[in-house]
Amino acid sequence: MIDVATLSVIRRWALREQMSIREIFRRTGLARNTVKKYLRAGDEEPRHAKRASSSKLDP
């Protein structure tokens, strides 16, 4: 999973600067399919896994 800053850079390059997917994956070092996946997702932010921590109230 990529961080939110990298995701915003990918979107800016693709939408505002009309950069090709090939150029984006060369500059970021991510796989071409990863770049496509995040561009197809639209405005959806990446989901983070929930922390698996115990509560103080658990026995």
PDB file of N, CA and C in Angstrom:
ATOM      1  N   MET A   1       0.844  -1.163   0.000  1.00  0.00           N
ATOM      2  CA  MET A   1       0.000   0.000   0.000  1.00  0.00           C
ATOM      3  C   MET A   1       0.897   1.236   0.000  1.00  0.00           C
ATOM      4  N   ILE A   2       0.494   2.247  -0.758  1.00  0.00           N
ATOM      5  CA  ILE A   2       1.275   3.476  -0.831  1.00  0.00           C
ATOM      6  C   ILE A   2       0.719   4.511   0.139  1.00  0.00           C
ATOM      7  N   ASP A   3       1.530   5.483   0.459  1.00  0.00           N
ATOM      8  CA  ASP A   3       1.065   6.505   1.391  1.00  0.00           C
ATOM      9  C   ASP A   3       0.260   7.572   0.653  1.00  0.00           C
ATOM     10  N   VAL A   4      -0.408   8.407   1.420  1.00  0.00           N
ATOM     11  CA  VAL A   4      -1.324   9.396   0.858  1.00  0.00           C
ATOM     12  C   VAL A   4      -0.567  10.447   0.051  1.00  0.00           C
ATOM     13  N   ALA A   5       0.641  10.799   0.453  1.00  0.00           N
ATOM     14  CA  ALA A   5       1.419  11.794  -0.276  1.00  0.00           C
ATOM     15  C   ALA A   5       1.768  11.299  -1.683  1.00  0.00           C
ATOM     16  N   THR A   6       2.170  10.046  -1.789  1.00  0.00           N
ATOM     17  CA  THR A   6       2.495   9.476  -3.102  1.00  0.00           C
ATOM     18  C   THR A   6       1.248   9.398  -3.971  1.00  0.00           C
ATOM     19  N   LEU A   7       0.136   9.058  -3.364  1.00  0.00           N
ATOM     20  CA  LEU A   7      -1.124   8.995  -4.100  1.00  0.00           C
ATOM     21  C   LEU A   7      -1.498  10.366  -4.656  1.00  0.00           C
ATOM     22  N   SER A   8      -1.315  11.414  -3.885  1.00  0.00           N
ATOM     23  CA  SER A   8      -1.648  12.753  -4.373  1.00  0.00           C
ATOM     24  C   SER A   8      -0.722  13.178  -5.504  1.00  0.00           C
ATOM     25  N   VAL A   9       0.553  12.785  -5.435  1.00  0.00           N
ATOM     26  CA  VAL A   9       1.492  13.104  -6.514  1.00  0.00           C
ATOM     27  C   VAL A   9       1.084  12.380  -7.796  1.00  0.00           C
ATOM     28  N   ILE A  10       0.719  11.115  -7.678  1.00  0.00           N
ATOM     29  CA  ILE A  10       0.291  10.344  -8.854  1.00  0.00           C
ATOM     30  C   ILE A  10      -0.929  10.983  -9.491  1.00  0.00           C
ATOM     31  N   ARG A  11      -1.899  11.350  -8.684  1.00  0.00           N
ATOM     32  CA  ARG A  11      -3.116  11.973  -9.223  1.00  0.00           C
ATOM     33  C   ARG A  11      -2.820  13.316  -9.870  1.00  0.00           C
ATOM     34  N   ARG A  12      -1.956  14.122  -9.244  1.00  0.00           N
ATOM     35  CA  ARG A  12      -1.618  15.434  -9.801  1.00  0.00           C
ATOM     36  C   ARG A  12      -0.926  15.280 -11.155  1.00  0.00           C
ATOM     37  N   TRP A  13       0.038  14.367 -11.233  1.00  0.00           N
ATOM     38  CA  TRP A  13       0.736  14.158 -12.496  1.00  0.00           C
ATOM     39  C   TRP A  13      -0.211  13.679 -13.588  1.00  0.00           C
ATOM     40  N   ALA A  14      -1.123  12.785 -13.235  1.00  0.00           N
ATOM     41  CA  ALA A  14      -2.014  12.216 -14.249  1.00  0.00           C
ATOM     42  C   ALA A  14      -3.094  13.208 -14.677  1.00  0.00           C
ATOM     43  N   LEU A  15      -3.687  13.911 -13.727  1.00  0.00           N
ATOM     44  CA  LEU A  15      -4.835  14.746 -14.053  1.00  0.00           C
ATOM     45  C   LEU A  15      -4.453  16.165 -14.469  1.00  0.00           C
ATOM     46  N   ARG A  16      -3.598  16.813 -13.718  1.00  0.00           N
ATOM     47  CA  ARG A  16      -3.260  18.204 -14.030  1.00  0.00           C
ATOM     48  C   ARG A  16      -2.200  18.322 -15.105  1.00  0.00           C
ATOM     49  N   GLU A  17      -1.155  17.518 -14.998  1.00  0.00           N
ATOM     50  CA  GLU A  17      -0.033  17.640 -15.914  1.00  0.00           C
ATOM     51  C   GLU A  17      -0.137  16.700 -17.112  1.00  0.00           C
ATOM     52  N   GLN A  18      -1.198  15.898 -17.171  1.00  0.00           N
ATOM     53  CA  GLN A  18      -1.450  14.989 -18.296  1.00  0.00           C
ATOM     54  C   GLN A  18      -0.255  14.086 -18.597  1.00  0.00           C
ATOM     55  N   MET A  19       0.383  13.597 -17.535  1.00  0.00           N
ATOM     56  CA  MET A  19       1.541  12.725 -17.686  1.00  0.00           C
ATOM     57  C   MET A  19       1.055  11.295 -17.951  1.00  0.00           C
ATOM     58  N   SER A  20       1.760  10.576 -18.774  1.00  0.00           N
ATOM     59  CA  SER A  20       1.364   9.214 -19.101  1.00  0.00           C
ATOM     60  C   SER A  20       1.649   8.273 -17.926  1.00  0.00           C
ATOM     61  N   ILE A  21       0.959   7.149 -17.917  1.00  0.00           N
ATOM     62  CA  ILE A  21       1.157   6.156 -16.865  1.00  0.00           C
ATOM     63  C   ILE A  21       2.584   5.621 -16.914  1.00  0.00           C
ATOM     64  N   ARG A  22       3.121   5.480 -18.098  1.00  0.00           N
ATOM     65  CA  ARG A  22       4.493   5.001 -18.252  1.00  0.00           C
ATOM     66  C   ARG A  22       5.489   5.947 -17.567  1.00  0.00           C
ATOM     67  N   GLU A  23       5.299   7.239 -17.766  1.00  0.00           N
ATOM     68  CA  GLU A  23       6.199   8.213 -17.149  1.00  0.00           C
ATOM     69  C   GLU A  23       6.023   8.238 -15.627  1.00  0.00           C
ATOM     70  N   ILE A  24       4.794   8.098 -15.159  1.00  0.00           N
ATOM     71  CA  ILE A  24       4.538   8.100 -13.716  1.00  0.00           C
ATOM     72  C   ILE A  24       5.208   6.904 -13.059  1.00  0.00           C
ATOM     73  N   PHE A  25       5.073   5.718 -13.636  1.00  0.00           N
ATOM     74  CA  PHE A  25       5.681   4.555 -12.991  1.00  0.00           C
ATOM     75  C   PHE A  25       7.202   4.599 -13.085  1.00  0.00           C
ATOM     76  N   ARG A  26       7.748   5.246 -14.080  1.00  0.00           N
ATOM     77  CA  ARG A  26       9.205   5.406 -14.145  1.00  0.00           C
ATOM     78  C   ARG A  26       9.706   6.338 -13.050  1.00  0.00           C
ATOM     79  N   ARG A  27       8.968   7.419 -12.809  1.00  0.00           N
ATOM     80  CA  ARG A  27       9.401   8.400 -11.810  1.00  0.00           C
ATOM     81  C   ARG A  27       9.198   7.920 -10.379  1.00  0.00           C
ATOM     82  N   THR A  28       8.110   7.182 -10.141  1.00  0.00           N
ATOM     83  CA  THR A  28       7.810   6.751  -8.775  1.00  0.00           C
ATOM     84  C   THR A  28       8.475   5.436  -8.412  1.00  0.00           C
ATOM     85  N   GLY A  29       8.728   4.588  -9.397  1.00  0.00           N
ATOM     86  CA  GLY A  29       9.298   3.279  -9.112  1.00  0.00           C
ATOM     87  C   GLY A  29       8.244   2.239  -8.777  1.00  0.00           C
ATOM     88  N   LEU A  30       6.970   2.633  -8.845  1.00  0.00           N
ATOM     89  CA  LEU A  30       5.875   1.690  -8.611  1.00  0.00           C
ATOM     90  C   LEU A  30       5.601   0.904  -9.882  1.00  0.00           C
ATOM     91  N   ALA A  31       4.903  -0.199  -9.738  1.00  0.00           N
ATOM     92  CA  ALA A  31       4.536  -1.000 -10.896  1.00  0.00           C
ATOM     93  C   ALA A  31       3.460  -0.268 -11.707  1.00  0.00           C
ATOM     94  N   ARG A  32       3.446  -0.513 -12.999  1.00  0.00           N
ATOM     95  CA  ARG A  32       2.478   0.117 -13.887  1.00  0.00           C
ATOM     96  C   ARG A  32       1.045  -0.205 -13.483  1.00  0.00           C
ATOM     97  N   ASN A  33       0.817  -1.461 -13.093  1.00  0.00           N
ATOM     98  CA  ASN A  33      -0.526  -1.865 -12.697  1.00  0.00           C
ATOM     99  C   ASN A  33      -0.958  -1.201 -11.395  1.00  0.00           C
ATOM    100  N   THR A  34      -0.020  -0.931 -10.505  1.00  0.00           N
ATOM    101  CA  THR A  34      -0.331  -0.242  -9.254  1.00  0.00           C
ATOM    102  C   THR A  34      -0.776   1.183  -9.539  1.00  0.00           C
ATOM    103  N   VAL A  35      -0.081   1.854 -10.428  1.00  0.00           N
ATOM    104  CA  VAL A  35      -0.452   3.217 -10.797  1.00  0.00           C
ATOM    105  C   VAL A  35      -1.843   3.228 -11.407  1.00  0.00           C
ATOM    106  N   LYS A  36      -2.122   2.284 -12.297  1.00  0.00           N
ATOM    107  CA  LYS A  36      -3.448   2.200 -12.917  1.00  0.00           C
ATOM    108  C   LYS A  36      -4.533   1.957 -11.881  1.00  0.00           C
ATOM    109  N   LYS A  37      -4.249   1.084 -10.926  1.00  0.00           N
ATOM    110  CA  LYS A  37      -5.237   0.749  -9.897  1.00  0.00           C
ATOM    111  C   LYS A  37      -5.626   1.982  -9.093  1.00  0.00           C
ATOM    112  N   TYR A  38      -4.653   2.760  -8.673  1.00  0.00           N
ATOM    113  CA  TYR A  38      -4.955   3.934  -7.869  1.00  0.00           C
ATOM    114  C   TYR A  38      -5.590   5.047  -8.688  1.00  0.00           C
ATOM    115  N   LEU A  39      -5.296   5.142  -9.968  1.00  0.00           N
ATOM    116  CA  LEU A  39      -5.949   6.139 -10.798  1.00  0.00           C
ATOM    117  C   LEU A  39      -7.402   5.761 -11.079  1.00  0.00           C
ATOM    118  N   ARG A  40      -7.679   4.477 -11.220  1.00  0.00           N
ATOM    119  CA  ARG A  40      -9.053   4.018 -11.446  1.00  0.00           C
ATOM    120  C   ARG A  40      -9.921   4.157 -10.201  1.00  0.00           C
ATOM    121  N   ALA A  41      -9.300   4.158  -9.029  1.00  0.00           N
ATOM    122  CA  ALA A  41     -10.056   4.229  -7.778  1.00  0.00           C
ATOM    123  C   ALA A  41     -10.761   5.567  -7.623  1.00  0.00           C
ATOM    124  N   GLY A  42     -10.326   6.597  -8.327  1.00  0.00           N
ATOM    125  CA  GLY A  42     -10.971   7.900  -8.236  1.00  0.00           C
ATOM    126  C   GLY A  42     -10.601   8.620  -6.955  1.00  0.00           C
ATOM    127  N   ASP A  43     -11.607   9.171  -6.284  1.00  0.00           N
ATOM    128  CA  ASP A  43     -11.376   9.970  -5.072  1.00  0.00           C
ATOM    129  C   ASP A  43     -11.275   9.129  -3.820  1.00  0.00           C
ATOM    130  N   GLU A  44     -11.332   7.842  -3.968  1.00  0.00           N
ATOM    131  CA  GLU A  44     -11.283   6.953  -2.812  1.00  0.00           C
ATOM    132  C   GLU A  44      -9.882   6.962  -2.203  1.00  0.00           C
ATOM    133  N   GLU A  45      -9.813   7.226  -0.903  1.00  0.00           N
ATOM    134  CA  GLU A  45      -8.537   7.238  -0.193  1.00  0.00           C
ATOM    135  C   GLU A  45      -8.133   5.808   0.154  1.00  0.00           C
ATOM    136  N   PRO A  46      -6.848   5.548   0.279  1.00  0.00           N
ATOM    137  CA  PRO A  46      -6.413   4.196   0.654  1.00  0.00           C
ATOM    138  C   PRO A  46      -6.884   3.846   2.057  1.00  0.00           C
ATOM    139  N   ARG A  47      -7.268   2.619   2.241  1.00  0.00           N
ATOM    140  CA  ARG A  47      -7.743   2.172   3.549  1.00  0.00           C
ATOM    141  C   ARG A  47      -6.568   1.643   4.354  1.00  0.00           C
ATOM    142  N   HIS A  48      -6.596   1.965   5.613  1.00  0.00           N
ATOM    143  CA  HIS A  48      -5.549   1.501   6.505  1.00  0.00           C
ATOM    144  C   HIS A  48      -6.106   0.389   7.375  1.00  0.00           C
ATOM    145  N   ALA A  49      -5.286  -0.569   7.677  1.00  0.00           N
ATOM    146  CA  ALA A  49      -5.710  -1.686   8.520  1.00  0.00           C
ATOM    147  C   ALA A  49      -5.933  -1.200   9.949  1.00  0.00           C
ATOM    148  N   LYS A  50      -6.924  -1.774  10.597  1.00  0.00           N
ATOM    149  CA  LYS A  50      -7.192  -1.409  11.982  1.00  0.00           C
ATOM    150  C   LYS A  50      -6.125  -2.006  12.881  1.00  0.00           C
ATOM    151  N   ARG A  51      -5.783  -1.270  13.911  1.00  0.00           N
ATOM    152  CA  ARG A  51      -4.810  -1.769  14.868  1.00  0.00           C
ATOM    153  C   ARG A  51      -5.431  -2.877  15.696  1.00  0.00           C
ATOM    154  N   ALA A  52      -4.686  -3.899  15.897  1.00  0.00           N
ATOM    155  CA  ALA A  52      -5.155  -5.021  16.710  1.00  0.00           C
ATOM    156  C   ALA A  52      -4.516  -4.896  18.094  1.00  0.00           C
ATOM    157  N   SER A  53      -5.095  -4.031  18.895  1.00  0.00           N
ATOM    158  CA  SER A  53      -4.563  -3.857  20.237  1.00  0.00           C
ATOM    159  C   SER A  53      -5.658  -4.212  21.245  1.00  0.00           C
ATOM    160  N   SER A  54      -5.242  -4.669  22.358  1.00  0.00           N
ATOM    161  CA  SER A  54      -6.212  -5.064  23.372  1.00  0.00           C
ATOM    162  C   SER A  54      -6.614  -3.840  24.200  1.00  0.00           C
ATOM    163  N   SER A  55      -7.756  -3.929  24.767  1.00  0.00           N
ATOM    164  CA  SER A  55      -8.266  -2.870  25.609  1.00  0.00           C
ATOM    165  C   SER A  55      -7.812  -3.105  27.048  1.00  0.00           C
ATOM    166  N   LYS A  56      -7.795  -2.046  27.821  1.00  0.00           N
ATOM    167  CA  LYS A  56      -7.449  -2.185  29.233  1.00  0.00           C
ATOM    168  C   LYS A  56      -8.537  -2.933  29.998  1.00  0.00           C
ATOM    169  N   LEU A  57      -9.719  -2.960  29.413  1.00  0.00           N
ATOM    170  CA  LEU A  57     -10.836  -3.625  30.073  1.00  0.00           C
ATOM    171  C   LEU A  57     -10.887  -5.116  29.781  1.00  0.00           C
ATOM    172  N   ASP A  58     -10.138  -5.588  28.795  1.00  0.00           N
ATOM    173  CA  ASP A  58     -10.130  -7.018  28.496  1.00  0.00           C
ATOM    174  C   ASP A  58      -9.474  -7.787  29.631  1.00  0.00           C
ATOM    175  N   PRO A  59      -9.976  -9.016  29.876  1.00  0.00           N
ATOM    176  CA  PRO A  59      -9.391  -9.798  30.991  1.00  0.00           C
ATOM    177  C   PRO A  59      -7.965 -10.243  30.689  1.00  0.00           C
TER     178      PRO A  59
END
